[in-house]
C-alpha atoms as a PDB file:
ATOM      1  CA  MET A   1      -0.161   0.043  -0.428  1.00  0.00           C
ATOM      2  CA  VAL A   2       2.347   2.740   0.871  1.00  0.00           C
ATOM      3  CA  LEU A   3       4.922   1.667  -2.288  1.00  0.00           C
ATOM      4  CA  ASP A   4       1.998   2.338  -3.948  1.00  0.00           C
ATOM      5  CA  LEU A   5       1.095   5.983  -2.953  1.00  0.00           C
ATOM      6  CA  GLU A   6       4.799   6.513  -3.386  1.00  0.00           C
ATOM      7  CA  PHE A   7       4.302   5.494  -6.679  1.00  0.00           C
ATOM      8  CA  PHE A   8       1.763   7.163  -7.524  1.00  0.00           C
ATOM      9  CA  LEU A   9       2.862  10.503  -5.807  1.00  0.00           C
ATOM     10  CA  ASP A  10       5.964  10.704  -8.184  1.00  0.00           C
ATOM     11  CA  GLU A  11       4.005  10.592 -11.185  1.00  0.00           C
ATOM     12  CA  GLN A  12       2.529  13.792 -10.267  1.00  0.00           C
ATOM     13  CA  ILE A  13       5.307  15.203  -8.706  1.00  0.00           C
ATOM     14  CA  ASN A  14       7.044  14.560 -12.301  1.00  0.00           C
ATOM     15  CA  LYS A  15       4.031  16.422 -13.793  1.00  0.00           C
ATOM     16  CA  LEU A  16       4.541  19.289 -11.582  1.00  0.00           C
ATOM     17  CA  LYS A  17       8.331  19.578 -11.954  1.00  0.00           C
ATOM     18  CA  ILE A  18       7.996  19.181 -16.017  1.00  0.00           C
ATOM     19  CA  GLU A  19       5.576  22.470 -15.459  1.00  0.00           C
ATOM     20  CA  ILE A  20       8.238  24.009 -13.258  1.00  0.00           C
ATOM     21  CA  GLU A  21      10.627  23.222 -15.539  1.00  0.00           C
ATOM     22  CA  LYS A  22       8.643  25.500 -18.133  1.00  0.00           C
ATOM     23  CA  GLY A  23       7.953  27.837 -16.595  1.00  0.00           C
ATOM     24  CA  CYS A  24      11.595  28.578 -15.764  1.00  0.00           C
ATOM     25  CA  GLU A  25      12.470  28.813 -19.150  1.00  0.00           C
ATOM     26  CA  GLU A  26      10.080  31.466 -19.515  1.00  0.00           C
ATOM     27  CA  PHE A  27      11.738  33.158 -16.831  1.00  0.00           C
ATOM     28  CA  GLU A  28      14.896  33.113 -18.540  1.00  0.00           C
ATOM     29  CA  LYS A  29      13.950  34.723 -21.927  1.00  0.00           C
ATOM     30  CA  LEU A  30      12.068  36.840 -20.329  1.00  0.00           C
ATOM     31  CA  ARG A  31      14.458  38.410 -17.619  1.00  0.00           C
ATOM     32  CA  GLU A  32      17.602  37.165 -20.116  1.00  0.00           C
ATOM     33  CA  LYS A  33      19.347  35.130 -17.072  1.00  0.00           C
ATOM     34  CA  ASP A  34      20.232  32.035 -16.071  1.00  0.00           C
ATOM     35  CA  VAL A  35      17.936  30.805 -13.356  1.00  0.00           C
ATOM     36  CA  ILE A  36      19.221  28.551 -10.738  1.00  0.00           C
ATOM     37  CA  LEU A  37      16.431  26.737  -8.752  1.00  0.00           C
ATOM     38  CA  LEU A  38      16.366  26.726  -4.563  1.00  0.00           C
ATOM     39  CA  LEU A  39      12.781  25.724  -3.164  1.00  0.00           C
ATOM     40  CA  MET A  40      11.975  23.701   0.100  1.00  0.00           C
ATOM     41  CA  ALA A  41       9.163  22.921   1.820  1.00  0.00           C
ATOM     42  CA  GLU A  42       8.313  24.493   4.707  1.00  0.00           C
ATOM     43  CA  GLU A  43       8.615  22.019   8.159  1.00  0.00           C
ATOM     44  CA  TRP A  44       9.993  19.541   6.288  1.00  0.00           C
ATOM     45  CA  SER A  45      13.374  20.892   4.632  1.00  0.00           C
ATOM     46  CA  SER A  46      15.886  24.250   5.454  1.00  0.00           C
ATOM     47  CA  ILE A  47      19.403  25.223   4.646  1.00  0.00           C
ATOM     48  CA  GLU A  48      21.698  22.395   5.493  1.00  0.00           C
ATOM     49  CA  ARG A  49      25.834  21.068   4.773  1.00  0.00           C
ATOM     50  CA  ASP A  50      23.818  18.950   2.547  1.00  0.00           C
ATOM     51  CA  THR A  51      22.357  21.518   0.478  1.00  0.00           C
ATOM     52  CA  VAL A  52      25.957  22.836  -0.270  1.00  0.00           C
ATOM     53  CA  ASP A  53      26.656  19.386  -1.929  1.00  0.00           C
ATOM     54  CA  ASP A  54      23.344  19.531  -3.589  1.00  0.00           C
ATOM     55  CA  LEU A  55      23.664  22.357  -5.307  1.00  0.00           C
ATOM     56  CA  TRP A  56      27.585  22.215  -6.284  1.00  0.00           C
ATOM     57  CA  ILE A  57      26.858  19.031  -7.797  1.00  0.00           C
ATOM     58  CA  HIS A  58      23.698  20.604  -9.739  1.00  0.00           C
ATOM     59  CA  ILE A  59      26.088  23.489 -10.930  1.00  0.00           C
ATOM     60  CA  LYS A  60      28.982  21.351 -12.016  1.00  0.00           C
ATOM     61  CA  GLN A  61      27.024  19.482 -14.247  1.00  0.00           C
ATOM     62  CA  ARG A  62      25.537  22.928 -15.835  1.00  0.00           C
ATOM     63  CA  THR A  63      27.047  25.301 -18.410  1.00  0.00           C
ATOM     64  CA  PHE A  64      26.208  28.805 -17.665  1.00  0.00           C
ATOM     65  CA  SER A  65      25.449  31.523 -20.113  1.00  0.00           C
ATOM     66  CA  ASN A  66      27.324  34.633 -20.093  1.00  0.00           C
ATOM     67  CA  LYS A  67      24.708  36.592 -19.072  1.00  0.00           C
ATOM     68  CA  GLY A  68      22.896  37.458 -15.155  1.00  0.00           C
ATOM     69  CA  ILE A  69      21.973  34.909 -12.794  1.00  0.00           C
ATOM     70  CA  ASP A  70      18.619  34.436 -10.603  1.00  0.00           C
ATOM     71  CA  VAL A  71      18.475  32.098  -8.190  1.00  0.00           C
ATOM     72  CA  ILE A  72      14.853  31.849  -7.253  1.00  0.00           C
ATOM     73  CA  LEU A  73      14.967  30.788  -3.026  1.00  0.00           C
ATOM     74  CA  HIS A  74      12.050  29.921  -1.618  1.00  0.00           C
ATOM     75  CA  SER A  75      13.155  28.616   1.978  1.00  0.00           C
ATOM     76  CA  PRO A  76      12.263  28.916   5.778  1.00  0.00           C
ATOM     77  CA  GLY A  77      16.053  29.233   6.072  1.00  0.00           C
ATOM     78  CA  GLY A  78      18.567  26.578   8.293  1.00  0.00           C
ATOM     79  CA  ASP A  79      22.435  26.452   8.772  1.00  0.00           C
ATOM     80  CA  ALA A  80      23.778  30.043   8.683  1.00  0.00           C
ATOM     81  CA  ASP A  81      27.381  28.421   8.036  1.00  0.00           C
ATOM     82  CA  ALA A  82      26.028  26.703   4.928  1.00  0.00           C
ATOM     83  CA  ALA A  83      24.037  29.245   3.716  1.00  0.00           C
ATOM     84  CA  TYR A  84      27.365  31.323   4.205  1.00  0.00           C
ATOM     85  CA  HIS A  85      28.553  28.653   1.953  1.00  0.00           C
ATOM     86  CA  LEU A  86      25.797  28.507  -0.399  1.00  0.00           C
ATOM     87  CA  SER A  87      26.161  32.366  -0.847  1.00  0.00           C
ATOM     88  CA  THR A  88      30.528  32.157  -1.518  1.00  0.00           C
ATOM     89  CA  ILE A  89      29.295  29.020  -4.018  1.00  0.00           C
ATOM     90  CA  LEU A  90      26.919  31.356  -5.964  1.00  0.00           C
ATOM     91  CA  ASN A  91      29.153  34.657  -6.073  1.00  0.00           C
ATOM     92  CA  ASP A  92      31.742  32.483  -7.800  1.00  0.00           C
ATOM     93  CA  VAL A  93      29.329  31.043 -10.483  1.00  0.00           C
ATOM     94  CA  ALA A  94      28.008  34.436 -11.008  1.00  0.00           C
ATOM     95  CA  ALA A  95      31.885  36.371 -11.255  1.00  0.00           C
ATOM     96  CA  ASP A  96      31.687  38.918 -12.611  1.00  0.00           C
ATOM     97  CA  LYS A  97      28.168  38.738 -13.654  1.00  0.00           C
ATOM     98  CA  SER A  98      24.893  39.470 -12.018  1.00  0.00           C
ATOM     99  CA  LEU A  99      23.915  38.088  -9.190  1.00  0.00           C
ATOM    100  CA  SER A 100      20.154  38.582  -8.107  1.00  0.00           C
ATOM    101  CA  PHE A 101      17.718  36.438  -5.427  1.00  0.00           C
ATOM    102  CA  VAL A 102      14.158  36.146  -6.452  1.00  0.00           C
ATOM    103  CA  VAL A 103      11.791  35.365  -3.965  1.00  0.00           C
ATOM    104  CA  PRO A 104       8.309  33.839  -4.657  1.00  0.00           C
ATOM    105  CA  ARG A 105       7.119  33.993  -1.876  1.00  0.00           C
ATOM    106  CA  LEU A 106       9.148  33.651   1.768  1.00  0.00           C
ATOM    107  CA  ALA A 107      13.505  33.316   2.174  1.00  0.00           C
ATOM    108  CA  LYS A 108      13.660  33.502   6.059  1.00  0.00           C
ATOM    109  CA  SER A 109      16.431  33.229   8.704  1.00  0.00           C
ATOM    110  CA  ALA A 110      19.718  31.843   7.015  1.00  0.00           C
ATOM    111  CA  ALA A 111      17.919  31.937   3.965  1.00  0.00           C
ATOM    112  CA  THR A 112      17.646  36.211   3.898  1.00  0.00           C
ATOM    113  CA  LEU A 113      21.236  36.044   4.823  1.00  0.00           C
ATOM    114  CA  LEU A 114      21.712  33.485   1.687  1.00  0.00           C
ATOM    115  CA  ALA A 115      19.464  36.625  -0.410  1.00  0.00           C
ATOM    116  CA  CYS A 116      21.812  38.872   0.932  1.00  0.00           C
ATOM    117  CA  SER A 117      25.153  37.645  -1.037  1.00  0.00           C
ATOM    118  CA  GLY A 118      23.265  39.096  -4.192  1.00  0.00           C
ATOM    119  CA  ASP A 119      23.960  42.811  -6.068  1.00  0.00           C
ATOM    120  CA  SER A 120      19.608  43.099  -5.559  1.00  0.00           C
ATOM    121  CA  ILE A 121      17.037  40.704  -3.661  1.00  0.00           C
ATOM    122  CA  VAL A 122      14.027  40.617  -6.185  1.00  0.00           C
ATOM    123  CA  MET A 123      10.957  40.646  -4.209  1.00  0.00           C
ATOM    124  CA  THR A 124       7.000  40.208  -5.184  1.00  0.00           C
ATOM    125  CA  ASN A 125       3.648  41.631  -3.463  1.00  0.00           C
ATOM    126  CA  ILE A 126       3.727  38.623  -1.387  1.00  0.00           C
ATOM    127  CA  SER A 127       7.925  37.712  -0.797  1.00  0.00           C
ATOM    128  CA  GLU A 128       8.996  38.431   2.185  1.00  0.00           C
ATOM    129  CA  LEU A 129      12.607  37.756   4.153  1.00  0.00           C
ATOM    130  CA  GLY A 130      13.158  37.953   8.331  1.00  0.00           C
ATOM    131  CA  PRO A 131      15.447  38.904  10.920  1.00  0.00           C
ATOM    132  CA  ILE A 132      18.599  36.386  11.512  1.00  0.00           C
ATOM    133  CA  ASP A 133      19.154  36.624  15.214  1.00  0.00           C
ATOM    134  CA  PRO A 134      20.828  33.238  16.012  1.00  0.00           C
ATOM    135  CA  GLN A 135      18.488  30.466  17.439  1.00  0.00           C
ATOM    136  CA  ILE A 136      18.959  27.717  20.312  1.00  0.00           C
ATOM    137  CA  ALA A 137      17.253  24.627  21.245  1.00  0.00           C
ATOM    138  CA  THR A 138      15.491  24.573  24.869  1.00  0.00           C
ATOM    139  CA  ARG A 139      15.084  21.538  26.922  1.00  0.00           C
ATOM    140  CA  THR A 140      11.580  20.934  25.439  1.00  0.00           C
ATOM    141  CA  GLY A 141      12.614  21.130  21.799  1.00  0.00           C
ATOM    142  CA  ARG A 142      11.712  24.531  20.842  1.00  0.00           C
ATOM    143  CA  TRP A 143      13.815  26.804  19.376  1.00  0.00           C
ATOM    144  CA  ILE A 144      14.377  30.532  20.980  1.00  0.00           C
ATOM    145  CA  SER A 145      16.115  33.247  19.787  1.00  0.00           C
ATOM    146  CA  VAL A 146      19.365  34.001  21.168  1.00  0.00           C
ATOM    147  CA  THR A 147      18.477  37.935  21.698  1.00  0.00           C
ATOM    148  CA  THR A 148      15.400  36.451  23.605  1.00  0.00           C
ATOM    149  CA  VAL A 149      17.215  34.600  26.221  1.00  0.00           C
ATOM    150  CA  ARG A 150      20.005  37.877  26.070  1.00  0.00           C
ATOM    151  CA  ASP A 151      17.192  40.054  27.533  1.00  0.00           C
ATOM    152  CA  ALA A 152      15.168  37.621  29.754  1.00  0.00           C
ATOM    153  CA  LEU A 153      18.676  36.821  32.065  1.00  0.00           C
ATOM    154  CA  ASN A 154      19.210  41.338  31.651  1.00  0.00           C
ATOM    155  CA  GLU A 155      16.195  41.827  33.263  1.00  0.00           C
ATOM    156  CA  ILE A 156      17.296  38.607  36.007  1.00  0.00           C
ATOM    157  CA  PHE A 157      20.248  40.235  36.430  1.00  0.00           C
ATOM    158  CA  GLU A 158      18.955  44.015  36.588  1.00  0.00           C
ATOM    159  CA  MET A 159      16.715  42.583  39.276  1.00  0.00           C
ATOM    160  CA  LEU A 160      19.312  41.345  41.550  1.00  0.00           C
ATOM    161  CA  GLU A 161      21.466  44.399  40.914  1.00  0.00           C
ATOM    162  CA  SER A 162      18.762  46.617  42.094  1.00  0.00           C
ATOM    163  CA  ARG A 163      18.554  44.779  45.095  1.00  0.00           C
ATOM    164  CA  GLN A 164      14.992  43.880  45.419  1.00  0.00           C
ATOM    165  CA  ARG A 165      14.738  41.452  48.384  1.00  0.00           C
ATOM    166  CA  LEU A 166      15.073  38.009  47.360  1.00  0.00           C
ATOM    167  CA  SER A 167      15.584  34.741  50.487  1.00  0.00           C
ATOM    168  CA  ASP A 168      18.633  32.736  49.794  1.00  0.00           C
ATOM    169  CA  LYS A 169      16.199  29.740  48.972  1.00  0.00           C
ATOM    170  CA  CYS A 170      15.353  31.761  45.875  1.00  0.00           C
ATOM    171  CA  LEU A 171      18.612  33.112  44.934  1.00  0.00           C
ATOM    172  CA  ASP A 172      19.895  29.400  45.066  1.00  0.00           C
ATOM    173  CA  ALA A 173      17.495  28.281  42.702  1.00  0.00           C
ATOM    174  CA  LEU A 174      18.155  30.764  39.985  1.00  0.00           C
ATOM    175  CA  PHE A 175      21.449  30.368  40.097  1.00  0.00           C
ATOM    176  CA  ARG A 176      21.480  26.872  39.724  1.00  0.00           C
ATOM    177  CA  THR A 177      19.013  27.017  36.792  1.00  0.00           C
ATOM    178  CA  LEU A 178      20.717  30.142  34.762  1.00  0.00           C
ATOM    179  CA  PRO A 179      23.083  29.100  32.161  1.00  0.00           C
ATOM    180  CA  ILE A 180      25.495  31.992  33.901  1.00  0.00           C
ATOM    181  CA  THR A 181      28.453  30.028  31.876  1.00  0.00           C
ATOM    182  CA  GLU A 182      26.705  31.029  28.294  1.00  0.00           C
ATOM    183  CA  VAL A 183      25.542  34.070  28.805  1.00  0.00           C
ATOM    184  CA  GLY A 184      29.122  35.538  26.880  1.00  0.00           C
ATOM    185  CA  GLN A 185      28.465  32.685  24.600  1.00  0.00           C
ATOM    186  CA  PHE A 186      24.613  34.632  23.369  1.00  0.00           C
ATOM    187  CA  ARG A 187      26.573  37.762  22.770  1.00  0.00           C
ATOM    188  CA  LYS A 188      29.326  35.644  20.890  1.00  0.00           C
ATOM    189  CA  LEU A 189      26.532  34.300  18.298  1.00  0.00           C
ATOM    190  CA  ILE A 190      24.234  37.182  17.970  1.00  0.00           C
ATOM    191  CA  ASP A 191      28.220  39.119  16.818  1.00  0.00           C
ATOM    192  CA  TYR A 192      29.023  35.988  14.511  1.00  0.00           C
ATOM    193  CA  ALA A 193      25.723  36.503  12.937  1.00  0.00           C
ATOM    194  CA  ARG A 194      26.796  39.946  12.193  1.00  0.00           C
ATOM    195  CA  ASP A 195      30.029  39.426  10.367  1.00  0.00           C
ATOM    196  CA  LEU A 196      28.255  36.580   8.420  1.00  0.00           C
ATOM    197  CA  LEU A 197      25.892  39.083   7.193  1.00  0.00           C
ATOM    198  CA  SER A 198      28.128  41.786   7.163  1.00  0.00           C
ATOM    199  CA  ARG A 199      30.703  39.706   4.645  1.00  0.00           C
ATOM    200  CA  VAL A 200      27.529  38.707   2.049  1.00  0.00           C
ATOM    201  CA  LEU A 201      26.934  42.607   1.844  1.00  0.00           C
ATOM    202  CA  GLN A 202      29.911  43.708   1.047  1.00  0.00           C
ATOM    203  CA  ARG A 203      30.091  41.206  -1.685  1.00  0.00           C
ATOM    204  CA  ARG A 204      27.716  42.677  -4.154  1.00  0.00           C
ATOM    205  CA  MET A 205      24.903  44.434  -2.771  1.00  0.00           C
ATOM    206  CA  ILE A 206      27.566  47.074  -0.565  1.00  0.00           C
ATOM    207  CA  ARG A 207      30.475  46.940  -1.831  1.00  0.00           C
ATOM    208  CA  SER A 208      33.257  49.435  -0.855  1.00  0.00           C
ATOM    209  CA  ARG A 209      33.941  52.192  -3.176  1.00  0.00           C
ATOM    210  CA  GLU A 210      36.659  54.894  -2.691  1.00  0.00           C
ATOM    211  CA  GLY A 211      35.535  57.759  -0.916  1.00  0.00           C
ATOM    212  CA  GLU A 212      32.246  56.082   0.465  1.00  0.00           C
ATOM    213  CA  LYS A 213      33.424  53.347   3.349  1.00  0.00           C
ATOM    214  CA  ASP A 214      31.994  55.560   5.836  1.00  0.00           C
ATOM    215  CA  THR A 215      29.037  56.073   4.596  1.00  0.00           C
ATOM    216  CA  GLU A 216      29.355  52.352   3.506  1.00  0.00           C
ATOM    217  CA  SER A 217      30.084  51.246   6.523  1.00  0.00           C
ATOM    218  CA  LYS A 218      27.205  52.918   8.343  1.00  0.00           C
ATOM    219  CA  LYS A 219      24.860  51.574   5.848  1.00  0.00           C
ATOM    220  CA  ILE A 220      26.001  48.229   6.677  1.00  0.00           C
ATOM    221  CA  ASN A 221      26.228  48.618  10.326  1.00  0.00           C
ATOM    222  CA  LYS A 222      22.260  49.794  10.136  1.00  0.00           C
ATOM    223  CA  ILE A 223      21.144  46.751   8.190  1.00  0.00           C
ATOM    224  CA  CYS A 224      23.494  44.177   9.963  1.00  0.00           C
ATOM    225  CA  GLU A 225      22.060  45.738  13.877  1.00  0.00           C
ATOM    226  CA  LYS A 226      18.523  45.856  12.388  1.00  0.00           C
ATOM    227  CA  LEU A 227      18.308  41.845  11.287  1.00  0.00           C
ATOM    228  CA  THR A 228      20.064  40.795  13.903  1.00  0.00           C
ATOM    229  CA  GLU A 229      18.683  42.437  16.892  1.00  0.00           C
ATOM    230  CA  GLY A 230      15.966  44.809  15.483  1.00  0.00           C
ATOM    231  CA  TYR A 231      13.317  42.455  15.600  1.00  0.00           C
ATOM    232  CA  LYS A 232      11.336  40.906  19.338  1.00  0.00           C
ATOM    233  CA  TYR A 233       9.740  38.065  17.003  1.00  0.00           C
ATOM    234  CA  HIS A 234      12.277  35.574  14.542  1.00  0.00           C
ATOM    235  CA  GLY A 235       9.208  34.727  12.390  1.00  0.00           C
ATOM    236  CA  MET A 236       8.678  38.823  11.981  1.00  0.00           C
ATOM    237  CA  PRO A 237       7.691  39.159   8.096  1.00  0.00           C
ATOM    238  CA  ILE A 238       9.665  41.678   6.559  1.00  0.00           C
ATOM    239  CA  THR A 239       7.777  43.188   3.362  1.00  0.00           C
ATOM    240  CA  ARG A 240       9.659  44.725   0.480  1.00  0.00           C
ATOM    241  CA  ASP A 241       8.775  47.945   1.437  1.00  0.00           C
ATOM    242  CA  GLU A 242      10.351  47.422   4.620  1.00  0.00           C
ATOM    243  CA  ALA A 243      13.051  45.837   3.117  1.00  0.00           C
ATOM    244  CA  LYS A 244      13.814  49.180   1.157  1.00  0.00           C
ATOM    245  CA  ASP A 245      13.671  50.760   4.582  1.00  0.00           C
ATOM    246  CA  ILE A 246      16.175  49.061   6.927  1.00  0.00           C
ATOM    247  CA  GLY A 247      19.037  49.687   3.367  1.00  0.00           C
ATOM    248  CA  LEU A 248      18.748  46.498   1.297  1.00  0.00           C
ATOM    249  CA  LYS A 249      18.700  46.835  -2.420  1.00  0.00           C
ATOM    250  CA  ILE A 250      15.670  45.690  -3.656  1.00  0.00           C
ATOM    251  CA  GLU A 251      13.668  45.684  -6.353  1.00  0.00           C
ATOM    252  CA  PHE A 252       9.966  44.771  -7.335  1.00  0.00           C
ATOM    253  CA  LEU A 253       9.492  42.221  -9.794  1.00  0.00           C
ATOM    254  CA  PRO A 254       7.456  43.745 -13.305  1.00  0.00           C
ATOM    255  CA  GLU A 255       3.800  42.168 -13.546  1.00  0.00           C
ATOM    256  CA  PRO A 256       4.343  39.555 -16.004  1.00  0.00           C
ATOM    257  CA  ALA A 257       7.815  38.171 -14.508  1.00  0.00           C
ATOM    258  CA  GLU A 258       5.415  38.200 -11.458  1.00  0.00           C
ATOM    259  CA  LYS A 259       2.975  36.314 -13.442  1.00  0.00           C
ATOM    260  CA  ILE A 260       5.292  33.517 -14.253  1.00  0.00           C
ATOM    261  CA  LEU A 261       6.692  33.301 -11.512  1.00  0.00           C
ATOM    262  CA  ILE A 262       4.298  32.575  -9.126  1.00  0.00           C
ATOM    263  CA  GLU A 263       1.979  31.141 -11.690  1.00  0.00           C
ATOM    264  CA  LYS A 264       4.476  28.576 -13.488  1.00  0.00           C
ATOM    265  CA  ILE A 265       6.966  27.857 -10.848  1.00  0.00           C
ATOM    266  CA  TYR A 266       6.058  28.665  -7.183  1.00  0.00           C
ATOM    267  CA  ILE A 267       2.048  27.527  -7.465  1.00  0.00           C
ATOM    268  CA  PRO A 268       3.321  24.551  -9.124  1.00  0.00           C
ATOM    269  CA  PHE A 269       6.074  23.770  -6.240  1.00  0.00           C
ATOM    270  CA  LYS A 270       2.984  24.302  -3.559  1.00  0.00           C
ATOM    271  CA  GLU A 271       1.180  22.063  -5.441  1.00  0.00           C
ATOM    272  CA  MET A 272       3.936  18.919  -4.706  1.00  0.00           C
ATOM    273  CA  VAL A 273       4.230  19.900  -1.286  1.00  0.00           C
ATOM    274  CA  LYS A 274       0.693  19.934  -0.475  1.00  0.00           C
ATOM    275  CA  MET A 275      -0.033  16.545  -2.532  1.00  0.00           C
ATOM    276  CA  SER A 276       2.944  15.079  -0.425  1.00  0.00           C
ATOM    277  CA  GLU A 277       1.947  16.746   2.377  1.00  0.00           C
ATOM    278  CA  GLU A 278      -1.991  14.407   2.038  1.00  0.00           C
ATOM    279  CA  ILE A 279      -0.286  11.602   1.291  1.00  0.00           C
ATOM    280  CA  LEU A 280       2.428  11.515   3.623  1.00  0.00           C
ATOM    281  CA  THR A 281       0.231  12.749   7.037  1.00  0.00           C
ATOM    282  CA  PRO A 282      -2.200  10.299   7.038  1.00  0.00           C
ATOM    283  CA  ILE A 283       1.065   7.716   7.209  1.00  0.00           C
ATOM    284  CA  ILE A 284       2.979   8.848   9.540  1.00  0.00           C
ATOM    285  CA  SER A 285      -0.384   8.755  11.451  1.00  0.00           C
ATOM    286  CA  VAL A 286      -0.292   4.619  11.845  1.00  0.00           C
ATOM    287  CA  LEU A 287       3.106   3.911  11.304  1.00  0.00           C
ATOM    288  CA  PRO A 288       5.810   3.253  14.035  1.00  0.00           C
ATOM    289  CA  GLN A 289       8.489   5.510  14.656  1.00  0.00           C
ATOM    290  CA  PRO A 290       8.285   7.396  11.353  1.00  0.00           C
ATOM    291  CA  ILE A 291      11.121   9.926  10.549  1.00  0.00           C
ATOM    292  CA  ILE A 292      10.357  13.531   9.017  1.00  0.00           C
ATOM    293  CA  SER A 293      12.879  13.826   6.271  1.00  0.00           C
ATOM    294  CA  ALA A 294      12.871  15.802   3.292  1.00  0.00           C
ATOM    295  CA  LYS A 295      12.866  14.838  -0.338  1.00  0.00           C
ATOM    296  CA  LYS A 296      15.232  15.996  -2.821  1.00  0.00           C
ATOM    297  CA  VAL A 297      14.189  16.110  -6.814  1.00  0.00           C
ATOM    298  CA  ASP A 298      16.692  16.917  -9.164  1.00  0.00           C
ATOM    299  CA  THR A 299      15.282  20.239 -11.802  1.00  0.00           C
ATOM    300  CA  LYS A 300      17.335  21.293 -15.311  1.00  0.00           C
ATOM    301  CA  PHE A 301      17.359  25.015 -13.066  1.00  0.00           C
ATOM    302  CA  GLY A 302      17.954  23.308  -9.968  1.00  0.00           C
ATOM    303  CA  LEU A 303      16.797  21.807  -6.611  1.00  0.00           C
ATOM    304  CA  ILE A 304      13.655  21.075  -4.907  1.00  0.00           C
ATOM    305  CA  TYR A 305      12.835  19.614  -1.325  1.00  0.00           C
ATOM    306  CA  LEU A 306       9.690  18.053  -0.573  1.00  0.00           C
ATOM    307  CA  PRO A 307       7.903  16.380   2.350  1.00  0.00           C
ATOM    308  CA  SER A 308       8.768  12.642   3.152  1.00  0.00           C
ATOM    309  CA  ILE A 309       9.610  10.354   5.888  1.00  0.00           C
ATOM    310  CA  GLU A 310      11.892   7.497   6.527  1.00  0.00           C
ATOM    311  CA  LEU A 311      11.255   4.158   8.708  1.00  0.00           C
ATOM    312  CA  HIS A 312      13.706   2.426  10.796  1.00  0.00           C
ATOM    313  CA  GLU A 313      14.920  -0.625   9.021  1.00  0.00           C
ATOM    314  CA  LYS A 314      13.735  -2.957  11.366  1.00  0.00           C
ATOM    315  CA  PHE A 315       9.903  -1.315  10.114  1.00  0.00           C
ATOM    316  CA  SER A 316      10.660  -0.724   6.636  1.00  0.00           C
ATOM    317  CA  PRO A 317       9.302  -3.367   4.414  1.00  0.00           C
ATOM    318  CA  ARG A 318      11.221  -5.945   2.907  1.00  0.00           C
ATOM    319  CA  LYS A 319      12.458  -6.448  -0.936  1.00  0.00           C
ATOM    320  CA  GLU A 320      11.671  -9.599  -2.337  1.00  0.00           C
END
């Protein structure tokens, strides 16, 4: 039964893949640039070290023209180091040509970091970027912003400095649970995120020019401070107007190109995700110990990551 469903799903995904590839061909022709796809299903996939390997293999198999490059990026984020590495690869591929990141719907967190490594970020009416404040895992498995933890600790320290009365028992319990040894590390994580962002911005979007170094440096610092520490919530949607106000170089995608991007690339991708989820969700609810994962779909233009599951070996169906 599971194998039959997987076969049906693969057939439908292949049809939608062909549709997306045709959309990419139209987008390339209209924009007069080479397209590289990186589309990731939210809650199922993210930018990881394996993504670097996957994209590098894809790029090595392609021949690019002398035109610029459009990276069509849809991702919830992921590993900042992997995103930085991807930015290095894509900048090397573009060389002296233009490099733009086209965001059909969202490029959050580490994906925002990646998008900032281009000459510009091309956004639609529904596009959104996101803060790049570092995240850490809690004991419950939830991810929270380092800035949230740091601010909470600062409030506690301020309370102690103001000499508000606390019993010895409360103080003892407080200092046993506070991650005192990690407080300095939180600051380092924020500084590290700022450093990565500063590096990618200087590659293309805000290059240092003779006589303008001080101005450009101030602009970079303003962007870095806003994106790493300027938002109270990591999921905050940064729309194209706000992204432009922050200081990022934002292009608004013209209607003909936006129509192709949304209707012939993004919507078929979302259909892929929806179809995968509709088939996999009931299976996940009944299978013992399924492992949520992402399935890589190779296309002529790049990579698509879709919902998938893996079974522990003892639960996997035997091949006769």
